């Protein structure tokens, strides 16, 4: 496994795991089989003839885009079984790729610790609420023809929150056992240096709005370039999602009226 720590702004980051050398002889777990079946069904519905299937896929994709990018990042990290914990103590350290001009070497571990723990309480709470809600909506399965959408949604969200929790636990384990090896990437850093220089030029031309806020460091084009540079195709979609979500949050924050000063 290899980890990528990619700044979206100077105070917000995406962590993404690339799994290397996965054992092909290992039998897929029941959870993997169910997940694979769900993906195949979703793809069939995208190309389906029935209107309700296409409408459901369109609505579902909108919901997926609203799931926080931090959650998707943690979900990319594999779960850690007890067997793997014991084996991990004797494995080589896991590289953490990052741009040194944006992230200081000494901050890598603290950033990863923050990403691993800051949303744990939220995921745990929403996991339990999803599990509690599943029996309540289960009777909708009696409705003919249409699948029990509320049940499947809650089941998906329960799985998603559980996967994010497990990803965070894996990161905490790697930190505790000192199995992380920060590895600065000069190729990645070159992309950020170019963006930072462009940002400084914009500030000198009178655009002080971004200088006061936590400026977004990448855009959608950079997402593709970063993924190509690091040779991790799956990273592009995650970076685009992160960029779009942070951009929307930034615009919403700018629209909020400033508090009136007392005279």
C-alpha atoms as a PDB file:
ATOM      1  CA  UNK A   1       0.000   0.000   0.000  1.00  0.00           C
ATOM      2  CA  UNK A   2       1.081   3.562  -0.728  1.00  0.00           C
ATOM      3  CA  UNK A   3      -0.478   6.717   0.738  1.00  0.00           C
ATOM      4  CA  UNK A   4      -0.874  10.078  -0.987  1.00  0.00           C
ATOM      5  CA  UNK A   5      -1.348  13.244   1.063  1.00  0.00           C
ATOM      6  CA  UNK A   6      -2.646  15.885  -1.346  1.00  0.00           C
ATOM      7  CA  UNK A   7      -3.366  19.477  -0.214  1.00  0.00           C
ATOM      8  CA  UNK A   8      -6.637  21.006  -1.423  1.00  0.00           C
ATOM      9  CA  UNK A   9      -5.923  24.194   0.514  1.00  0.00           C
ATOM     10  CA  UNK A  10      -3.139  24.887   3.002  1.00  0.00           C
ATOM     11  CA  UNK A  11      -5.414  23.672   5.805  1.00  0.00           C
ATOM     12  CA  UNK A  12      -7.373  20.910   4.091  1.00  0.00           C
ATOM     13  CA  UNK A  13      -5.997  17.708   2.612  1.00  0.00           C
ATOM     14  CA  UNK A  14      -7.083  14.545   0.848  1.00  0.00           C
ATOM     15  CA  UNK A  15      -5.569  11.223   1.862  1.00  0.00           C
ATOM     16  CA  UNK A  16      -5.760   8.414  -0.672  1.00  0.00           C
ATOM     17  CA  UNK A  17      -4.472   4.843  -0.552  1.00  0.00           C
ATOM     18  CA  UNK A  18      -3.211   2.874  -3.526  1.00  0.00           C
ATOM     19  CA  UNK A  19      -3.142  -0.847  -2.872  1.00  0.00           C
ATOM     20  CA  UNK A  20      -0.130  -2.618  -4.333  1.00  0.00           C
ATOM     21  CA  UNK A  21       0.541  -6.306  -4.858  1.00  0.00           C
ATOM     22  CA  UNK A  22      -2.922  -7.506  -3.851  1.00  0.00           C
ATOM     23  CA  UNK A  23      -2.995 -11.275  -3.554  1.00  0.00           C
ATOM     24  CA  UNK A  24      -4.950 -12.776  -6.447  1.00  0.00           C
ATOM     25  CA  UNK A  25      -5.193 -16.193  -4.832  1.00  0.00           C
ATOM     26  CA  UNK A  26      -7.055 -14.779  -1.859  1.00  0.00           C
ATOM     27  CA  UNK A  27     -10.786 -15.531  -2.049  1.00  0.00           C
ATOM     28  CA  UNK A  28     -13.007 -12.425  -2.055  1.00  0.00           C
ATOM     29  CA  UNK A  29     -14.911 -11.911   1.163  1.00  0.00           C
ATOM     30  CA  UNK A  30     -18.714 -11.914   1.331  1.00  0.00           C
ATOM     31  CA  UNK A  31     -18.607  -8.133   1.685  1.00  0.00           C
ATOM     32  CA  UNK A  32     -16.468  -7.850  -1.476  1.00  0.00           C
ATOM     33  CA  UNK A  33     -18.898 -10.072  -3.369  1.00  0.00           C
ATOM     34  CA  UNK A  34     -21.921  -8.020  -2.273  1.00  0.00           C
ATOM     35  CA  UNK A  35     -20.140  -4.779  -3.176  1.00  0.00           C
ATOM     36  CA  UNK A  36     -19.179  -6.120  -6.611  1.00  0.00           C
ATOM     37  CA  UNK A  37     -22.767  -7.251  -7.236  1.00  0.00           C
ATOM     38  CA  UNK A  38     -24.107  -3.824  -6.243  1.00  0.00           C
ATOM     39  CA  UNK A  39     -21.687  -2.075  -8.639  1.00  0.00           C
ATOM     40  CA  UNK A  40     -22.719  -4.367 -11.505  1.00  0.00           C
ATOM     41  CA  UNK A  41     -26.428  -3.758 -10.789  1.00  0.00           C
ATOM     42  CA  UNK A  42     -25.865   0.017 -10.684  1.00  0.00           C
ATOM     43  CA  UNK A  43     -24.067  -0.064 -14.043  1.00  0.00           C
ATOM     44  CA  UNK A  44     -26.887  -2.142 -15.561  1.00  0.00           C
ATOM     45  CA  UNK A  45     -29.464   0.361 -14.311  1.00  0.00           C
ATOM     46  CA  UNK A  46     -27.486   3.213 -15.903  1.00  0.00           C
ATOM     47  CA  UNK A  47     -28.024   1.500 -19.274  1.00  0.00           C
ATOM     48  CA  UNK A  48     -31.471   0.130 -18.386  1.00  0.00           C
ATOM     49  CA  UNK A  49     -34.634   0.527 -20.455  1.00  0.00           C
ATOM     50  CA  UNK A  50     -36.863   1.332 -17.493  1.00  0.00           C
ATOM     51  CA  UNK A  51     -37.276   5.024 -16.727  1.00  0.00           C
ATOM     52  CA  UNK A  52     -37.411   4.521 -12.941  1.00  0.00           C
ATOM     53  CA  UNK A  53     -33.999   2.810 -13.050  1.00  0.00           C
ATOM     54  CA  UNK A  54     -32.352   5.720 -14.877  1.00  0.00           C
ATOM     55  CA  UNK A  55     -34.044   8.265 -12.597  1.00  0.00           C
ATOM     56  CA  UNK A  56     -32.875   6.347  -9.544  1.00  0.00           C
ATOM     57  CA  UNK A  57     -29.281   6.212 -10.832  1.00  0.00           C
ATOM     58  CA  UNK A  58     -29.324   9.963 -11.550  1.00  0.00           C
ATOM     59  CA  UNK A  59     -30.630  10.754  -8.060  1.00  0.00           C
ATOM     60  CA  UNK A  60     -28.172   8.301  -6.519  1.00  0.00           C
ATOM     61  CA  UNK A  61     -25.209   9.883  -8.289  1.00  0.00           C
ATOM     62  CA  UNK A  62     -26.225  13.274  -6.895  1.00  0.00           C
ATOM     63  CA  UNK A  63     -26.244  11.774  -3.395  1.00  0.00           C
ATOM     64  CA  UNK A  64     -22.817  10.209  -3.962  1.00  0.00           C
ATOM     65  CA  UNK A  65     -21.381  13.575  -5.018  1.00  0.00           C
ATOM     66  CA  UNK A  66     -22.545  15.074  -1.711  1.00  0.00           C
ATOM     67  CA  UNK A  67     -20.691  12.536   0.440  1.00  0.00           C
ATOM     68  CA  UNK A  68     -17.675  14.392   1.935  1.00  0.00           C
ATOM     69  CA  UNK A  69     -14.401  13.805   0.152  1.00  0.00           C
ATOM     70  CA  UNK A  70     -12.756  13.088   3.527  1.00  0.00           C
ATOM     71  CA  UNK A  71     -15.017  10.050   3.863  1.00  0.00           C
ATOM     72  CA  UNK A  72     -14.109   8.785   0.394  1.00  0.00           C
ATOM     73  CA  UNK A  73     -10.428   9.196   1.219  1.00  0.00           C
ATOM     74  CA  UNK A  74     -10.675   7.108   4.381  1.00  0.00           C
ATOM     75  CA  UNK A  75     -12.716   4.496   2.496  1.00  0.00           C
ATOM     76  CA  UNK A  76      -9.822   4.026   0.062  1.00  0.00           C
ATOM     77  CA  UNK A  77      -7.720   2.660   2.947  1.00  0.00           C
ATOM     78  CA  UNK A  78      -8.174  -1.118   3.428  1.00  0.00           C
ATOM     79  CA  UNK A  79      -9.478  -2.529   6.688  1.00  0.00           C
ATOM     80  CA  UNK A  80      -6.999  -3.996   9.115  1.00  0.00           C
ATOM     81  CA  UNK A  81      -7.732  -7.463  10.483  1.00  0.00           C
ATOM     82  CA  UNK A  82      -6.016  -8.892  13.538  1.00  0.00           C
ATOM     83  CA  UNK A  83      -3.921 -11.106  11.282  1.00  0.00           C
ATOM     84  CA  UNK A  84      -2.739  -8.141   9.251  1.00  0.00           C
ATOM     85  CA  UNK A  85      -1.896  -6.250  12.435  1.00  0.00           C
ATOM     86  CA  UNK A  86       0.520  -8.964  13.470  1.00  0.00           C
ATOM     87  CA  UNK A  87       2.000  -9.214   9.979  1.00  0.00           C
ATOM     88  CA  UNK A  88       2.299  -5.446   9.674  1.00  0.00           C
ATOM     89  CA  UNK A  89       4.843  -5.257  12.471  1.00  0.00           C
ATOM     90  CA  UNK A  90       7.354  -7.024  10.238  1.00  0.00           C
ATOM     91  CA  UNK A  91       6.529  -5.332   6.945  1.00  0.00           C
ATOM     92  CA  UNK A  92       8.409  -2.509   5.300  1.00  0.00           C
ATOM     93  CA  UNK A  93       7.231   0.995   6.064  1.00  0.00           C
ATOM     94  CA  UNK A  94       4.473   2.529   3.942  1.00  0.00           C
ATOM     95  CA  UNK A  95       5.421   5.549   1.877  1.00  0.00           C
ATOM     96  CA  UNK A  96       3.458   8.789   2.223  1.00  0.00           C
ATOM     97  CA  UNK A  97       3.780  10.915  -0.917  1.00  0.00           C
ATOM     98  CA  UNK A  98       3.363  14.680  -0.404  1.00  0.00           C
ATOM     99  CA  UNK A  99       4.488  18.058  -1.862  1.00  0.00           C
ATOM    100  CA  UNK A 100       7.199  19.510   0.428  1.00  0.00           C
ATOM    101  CA  UNK A 101       6.600  23.143  -0.553  1.00  0.00           C
ATOM    102  CA  UNK A 102       3.064  22.969   0.896  1.00  0.00           C
ATOM    103  CA  UNK A 103       3.395  20.357   3.659  1.00  0.00           C
ATOM    104  CA  UNK A 104       6.377  20.450   6.003  1.00  0.00           C
ATOM    105  CA  UNK A 105       8.047  17.086   6.605  1.00  0.00           C
ATOM    106  CA  UNK A 106       7.471  17.377  10.350  1.00  0.00           C
ATOM    107  CA  UNK A 107       3.721  17.966   9.868  1.00  0.00           C
ATOM    108  CA  UNK A 108       2.969  14.805   7.869  1.00  0.00           C
ATOM    109  CA  UNK A 109       2.265  12.584  10.871  1.00  0.00           C
ATOM    110  CA  UNK A 110       0.124  15.171  12.669  1.00  0.00           C
ATOM    111  CA  UNK A 111      -1.946  15.787   9.518  1.00  0.00           C
ATOM    112  CA  UNK A 112      -2.535  12.060   9.054  1.00  0.00           C
ATOM    113  CA  UNK A 113      -3.507  11.732  12.724  1.00  0.00           C
ATOM    114  CA  UNK A 114      -5.984  14.569  12.291  1.00  0.00           C
ATOM    115  CA  UNK A 115      -7.512  12.998   9.174  1.00  0.00           C
ATOM    116  CA  UNK A 116      -7.738   9.621  10.911  1.00  0.00           C
ATOM    117  CA  UNK A 117      -9.540  10.873  14.026  1.00  0.00           C
ATOM    118  CA  UNK A 118     -11.364  14.167  13.390  1.00  0.00           C
ATOM    119  CA  UNK A 119     -14.489  12.559  11.828  1.00  0.00           C
ATOM    120  CA  UNK A 120     -14.507   9.309  13.820  1.00  0.00           C
ATOM    121  CA  UNK A 121     -17.282  10.390  16.217  1.00  0.00           C
ATOM    122  CA  UNK A 122     -19.445  11.552  13.290  1.00  0.00           C
ATOM    123  CA  UNK A 123     -19.000   8.279  11.379  1.00  0.00           C
ATOM    124  CA  UNK A 124     -19.700   6.227  14.499  1.00  0.00           C
ATOM    125  CA  UNK A 125     -22.888   8.145  15.291  1.00  0.00           C
ATOM    126  CA  UNK A 126     -24.255   8.025  11.755  1.00  0.00           C
ATOM    127  CA  UNK A 127     -23.338   4.365  11.403  1.00  0.00           C
ATOM    128  CA  UNK A 128     -25.572   3.514  14.363  1.00  0.00           C
ATOM    129  CA  UNK A 129     -28.420   5.739  13.145  1.00  0.00           C
ATOM    130  CA  UNK A 130     -28.276   4.019   9.755  1.00  0.00           C
ATOM    131  CA  UNK A 131     -28.336   0.585  11.388  1.00  0.00           C
ATOM    132  CA  UNK A 132     -31.261   1.613  13.625  1.00  0.00           C
ATOM    133  CA  UNK A 133     -33.193   2.935  10.641  1.00  0.00           C
ATOM    134  CA  UNK A 134     -32.803  -0.186   8.507  1.00  0.00           C
ATOM    135  CA  UNK A 135     -35.427  -2.328  10.359  1.00  0.00           C
ATOM    136  CA  UNK A 136     -37.842   0.623  10.334  1.00  0.00           C
ATOM    137  CA  UNK A 137     -37.838   0.918   6.533  1.00  0.00           C
ATOM    138  CA  UNK A 138     -37.562  -2.849   5.897  1.00  0.00           C
ATOM    139  CA  UNK A 139     -41.380  -3.253   5.439  1.00  0.00           C
ATOM    140  CA  UNK A 140     -41.155  -1.137   2.257  1.00  0.00           C
ATOM    141  CA  UNK A 141     -39.863  -4.331   0.629  1.00  0.00           C
ATOM    142  CA  UNK A 142     -43.514  -5.471   0.484  1.00  0.00           C
ATOM    143  CA  UNK A 143     -44.191  -2.858  -2.205  1.00  0.00           C
ATOM    144  CA  UNK A 144     -44.129  -4.729  -5.554  1.00  0.00           C
ATOM    145  CA  UNK A 145     -41.940  -3.909  -8.565  1.00  0.00           C
ATOM    146  CA  UNK A 146     -39.859  -1.113  -6.985  1.00  0.00           C
ATOM    147  CA  UNK A 147     -36.839  -2.014  -4.796  1.00  0.00           C
ATOM    148  CA  UNK A 148     -36.738  -0.920  -1.169  1.00  0.00           C
ATOM    149  CA  UNK A 149     -34.719   2.241  -1.852  1.00  0.00           C
ATOM    150  CA  UNK A 150     -34.707   3.622   1.741  1.00  0.00           C
ATOM    151  CA  UNK A 151     -33.351   0.312   3.076  1.00  0.00           C
ATOM    152  CA  UNK A 152     -30.605   0.052   0.468  1.00  0.00           C
ATOM    153  CA  UNK A 153     -29.620   3.689   1.035  1.00  0.00           C
ATOM    154  CA  UNK A 154     -29.300   3.195   4.793  1.00  0.00           C
ATOM    155  CA  UNK A 155     -27.397  -0.054   4.232  1.00  0.00           C
ATOM    156  CA  UNK A 156     -24.983   1.742   1.892  1.00  0.00           C
ATOM    157  CA  UNK A 157     -24.472   4.630   4.313  1.00  0.00           C
ATOM    158  CA  UNK A 158     -23.903   2.201   7.194  1.00  0.00           C
ATOM    159  CA  UNK A 159     -21.258   0.382   5.145  1.00  0.00           C
ATOM    160  CA  UNK A 160     -19.687   3.667   4.042  1.00  0.00           C
ATOM    161  CA  UNK A 161     -19.376   5.003   7.596  1.00  0.00           C
ATOM    162  CA  UNK A 162     -18.014   1.655   8.816  1.00  0.00           C
ATOM    163  CA  UNK A 163     -15.428   1.602   6.014  1.00  0.00           C
ATOM    164  CA  UNK A 164     -14.312   5.147   6.845  1.00  0.00           C
ATOM    165  CA  UNK A 165     -13.993   4.230  10.526  1.00  0.00           C
ATOM    166  CA  UNK A 166     -11.872   1.205   9.657  1.00  0.00           C
ATOM    167  CA  UNK A 167      -9.687   3.309   7.369  1.00  0.00           C
ATOM    168  CA  UNK A 168      -9.077   5.745  10.213  1.00  0.00           C
ATOM    169  CA  UNK A 169      -8.209   2.891  12.585  1.00  0.00           C
ATOM    170  CA  UNK A 170      -5.712   1.561  10.037  1.00  0.00           C
ATOM    171  CA  UNK A 171      -4.010   4.959   9.881  1.00  0.00           C
ATOM    172  CA  UNK A 172      -3.882   5.150  13.688  1.00  0.00           C
ATOM    173  CA  UNK A 173      -2.287   1.704  13.785  1.00  0.00           C
ATOM    174  CA  UNK A 174       0.361   2.721  11.250  1.00  0.00           C
ATOM    175  CA  UNK A 175       1.130   5.836  13.300  1.00  0.00           C
ATOM    176  CA  UNK A 176       1.299   3.917  16.572  1.00  0.00           C
ATOM    177  CA  UNK A 177       3.664   1.298  15.130  1.00  0.00           C
ATOM    178  CA  UNK A 178       5.773   3.918  13.305  1.00  0.00           C
ATOM    179  CA  UNK A 179       5.142   2.253   9.946  1.00  0.00           C
ATOM    180  CA  UNK A 180       4.819   5.463   7.907  1.00  0.00           C
ATOM    181  CA  UNK A 181       7.685   6.831   5.825  1.00  0.00           C
ATOM    182  CA  UNK A 182       7.081  10.378   4.520  1.00  0.00           C
ATOM    183  CA  UNK A 183       8.433  10.652   0.969  1.00  0.00           C
ATOM    184  CA  UNK A 184       8.464  14.109  -0.654  1.00  0.00           C
ATOM    185  CA  UNK A 185       7.664  14.119  -4.380  1.00  0.00           C
ATOM    186  CA  UNK A 186       9.449  16.721  -6.473  1.00  0.00           C
ATOM    187  CA  UNK A 187       7.190  16.013  -9.470  1.00  0.00           C
ATOM    188  CA  UNK A 188       4.088  16.673  -7.378  1.00  0.00           C
ATOM    189  CA  UNK A 189       5.742  19.689  -5.782  1.00  0.00           C
ATOM    190  CA  UNK A 190       6.389  21.277  -9.190  1.00  0.00           C
ATOM    191  CA  UNK A 191       2.632  21.397  -9.843  1.00  0.00           C
ATOM    192  CA  UNK A 192       1.976  23.147  -6.535  1.00  0.00           C
ATOM    193  CA  UNK A 193       4.853  25.603  -6.934  1.00  0.00           C
ATOM    194  CA  UNK A 194       3.402  26.734 -10.241  1.00  0.00           C
ATOM    195  CA  UNK A 195      -0.052  27.222  -8.667  1.00  0.00           C
ATOM    196  CA  UNK A 196       1.397  29.119  -5.697  1.00  0.00           C
ATOM    197  CA  UNK A 197       3.285  31.485  -8.015  1.00  0.00           C
ATOM    198  CA  UNK A 198       0.107  32.155  -9.984  1.00  0.00           C
ATOM    199  CA  UNK A 199      -1.718  32.854  -6.734  1.00  0.00           C
ATOM    200  CA  UNK A 200       0.916  35.352  -5.611  1.00  0.00           C
ATOM    201  CA  UNK A 201       0.657  37.202  -8.933  1.00  0.00           C
ATOM    202  CA  UNK A 202      -3.131  37.442  -8.513  1.00  0.00           C
ATOM    203  CA  UNK A 203      -2.684  38.934  -5.038  1.00  0.00           C
ATOM    204  CA  UNK A 204      -0.213  41.555  -6.253  1.00  0.00           C
ATOM    205  CA  UNK A 205      -2.758  42.605  -8.896  1.00  0.00           C
ATOM    206  CA  UNK A 206      -5.223  43.595  -6.201  1.00  0.00           C
ATOM    207  CA  UNK A 207      -7.152  40.366  -5.595  1.00  0.00           C
ATOM    208  CA  UNK A 208      -7.025  40.448  -1.803  1.00  0.00           C
ATOM    209  CA  UNK A 209     -10.058  38.210  -1.302  1.00  0.00           C
ATOM    210  CA  UNK A 210      -8.080  34.976  -1.688  1.00  0.00           C
ATOM    211  CA  UNK A 211      -5.201  36.252   0.418  1.00  0.00           C
ATOM    212  CA  UNK A 212      -7.474  36.535   3.443  1.00  0.00           C
ATOM    213  CA  UNK A 213      -9.047  33.096   3.001  1.00  0.00           C
ATOM    214  CA  UNK A 214      -7.703  29.567   2.815  1.00  0.00           C
ATOM    215  CA  UNK A 215      -7.141  29.656  -0.936  1.00  0.00           C
ATOM    216  CA  UNK A 216      -7.856  26.567  -3.041  1.00  0.00           C
ATOM    217  CA  UNK A 217      -4.559  25.342  -4.463  1.00  0.00           C
ATOM    218  CA  UNK A 218      -5.756  23.085  -7.289  1.00  0.00           C
ATOM    219  CA  UNK A 219      -8.510  22.949  -9.887  1.00  0.00           C
ATOM    220  CA  UNK A 220     -10.076  20.148 -11.933  1.00  0.00           C
ATOM    221  CA  UNK A 221      -7.337  20.294 -14.568  1.00  0.00           C
ATOM    222  CA  UNK A 222      -4.700  19.944 -11.858  1.00  0.00           C
ATOM    223  CA  UNK A 223      -6.526  16.867 -10.570  1.00  0.00           C
ATOM    224  CA  UNK A 224      -5.964  15.095 -13.874  1.00  0.00           C
ATOM    225  CA  UNK A 225      -2.346  16.272 -14.032  1.00  0.00           C
ATOM    226  CA  UNK A 226      -1.587  15.109 -10.482  1.00  0.00           C
ATOM    227  CA  UNK A 227      -3.113  11.687 -11.120  1.00  0.00           C
ATOM    228  CA  UNK A 228      -1.119  11.329 -14.353  1.00  0.00           C
ATOM    229  CA  UNK A 229       2.115  12.522 -12.720  1.00  0.00           C
ATOM    230  CA  UNK A 230       1.768  10.093  -9.819  1.00  0.00           C
ATOM    231  CA  UNK A 231       0.463   7.328 -12.131  1.00  0.00           C
ATOM    232  CA  UNK A 232      -2.629   6.795  -9.960  1.00  0.00           C
ATOM    233  CA  UNK A 233      -5.703   7.073 -12.247  1.00  0.00           C
ATOM    234  CA  UNK A 234      -8.195   6.650  -9.409  1.00  0.00           C
ATOM    235  CA  UNK A 235      -6.854   9.753  -7.692  1.00  0.00           C
ATOM    236  CA  UNK A 236      -8.232  12.108 -10.371  1.00  0.00           C
ATOM    237  CA  UNK A 237     -11.886  11.558  -9.501  1.00  0.00           C
ATOM    238  CA  UNK A 238     -11.248  11.930  -5.778  1.00  0.00           C
ATOM    239  CA  UNK A 239      -9.359  15.198  -6.283  1.00  0.00           C
ATOM    240  CA  UNK A 240     -12.080  16.576  -8.540  1.00  0.00           C
ATOM    241  CA  UNK A 241     -14.672  15.727  -5.896  1.00  0.00           C
ATOM    242  CA  UNK A 242     -12.581  17.369  -3.167  1.00  0.00           C
ATOM    243  CA  UNK A 243     -12.011  20.501  -5.269  1.00  0.00           C
ATOM    244  CA  UNK A 244     -15.701  20.895  -6.113  1.00  0.00           C
ATOM    245  CA  UNK A 245     -16.833  20.427  -2.513  1.00  0.00           C
ATOM    246  CA  UNK A 246     -14.290  22.869  -1.082  1.00  0.00           C
ATOM    247  CA  UNK A 247     -15.136  25.374  -3.836  1.00  0.00           C
ATOM    248  CA  UNK A 248     -18.859  25.202  -3.014  1.00  0.00           C
ATOM    249  CA  UNK A 249     -18.127  25.633   0.697  1.00  0.00           C
ATOM    250  CA  UNK A 250     -15.902  28.629  -0.062  1.00  0.00           C
ATOM    251  CA  UNK A 251     -18.596  30.289  -2.203  1.00  0.00           C
ATOM    252  CA  UNK A 252     -21.232  29.664   0.469  1.00  0.00           C
ATOM    253  CA  UNK A 253     -18.966  31.205   3.085  1.00  0.00           C
ATOM    254  CA  UNK A 254     -18.358  34.292   0.909  1.00  0.00           C
ATOM    255  CA  UNK A 255     -22.124  34.791   0.458  1.00  0.00           C
ATOM    256  CA  UNK A 256     -22.685  34.968   4.221  1.00  0.00           C
ATOM    257  CA  UNK A 257     -23.223  38.607   5.295  1.00  0.00           C
ATOM    258  CA  UNK A 258     -20.591  40.053   7.587  1.00  0.00           C
ATOM    259  CA  UNK A 259     -21.781  40.864  11.127  1.00  0.00           C
ATOM    260  CA  UNK A 260     -22.649  44.517  11.603  1.00  0.00           C
ATOM    261  CA  UNK A 261     -20.240  46.469  13.733  1.00  0.00           C
ATOM    262  CA  UNK A 262     -21.668  48.134  16.797  1.00  0.00           C
ATOM    263  CA  UNK A 263     -21.395  51.916  16.798  1.00  0.00           C
END
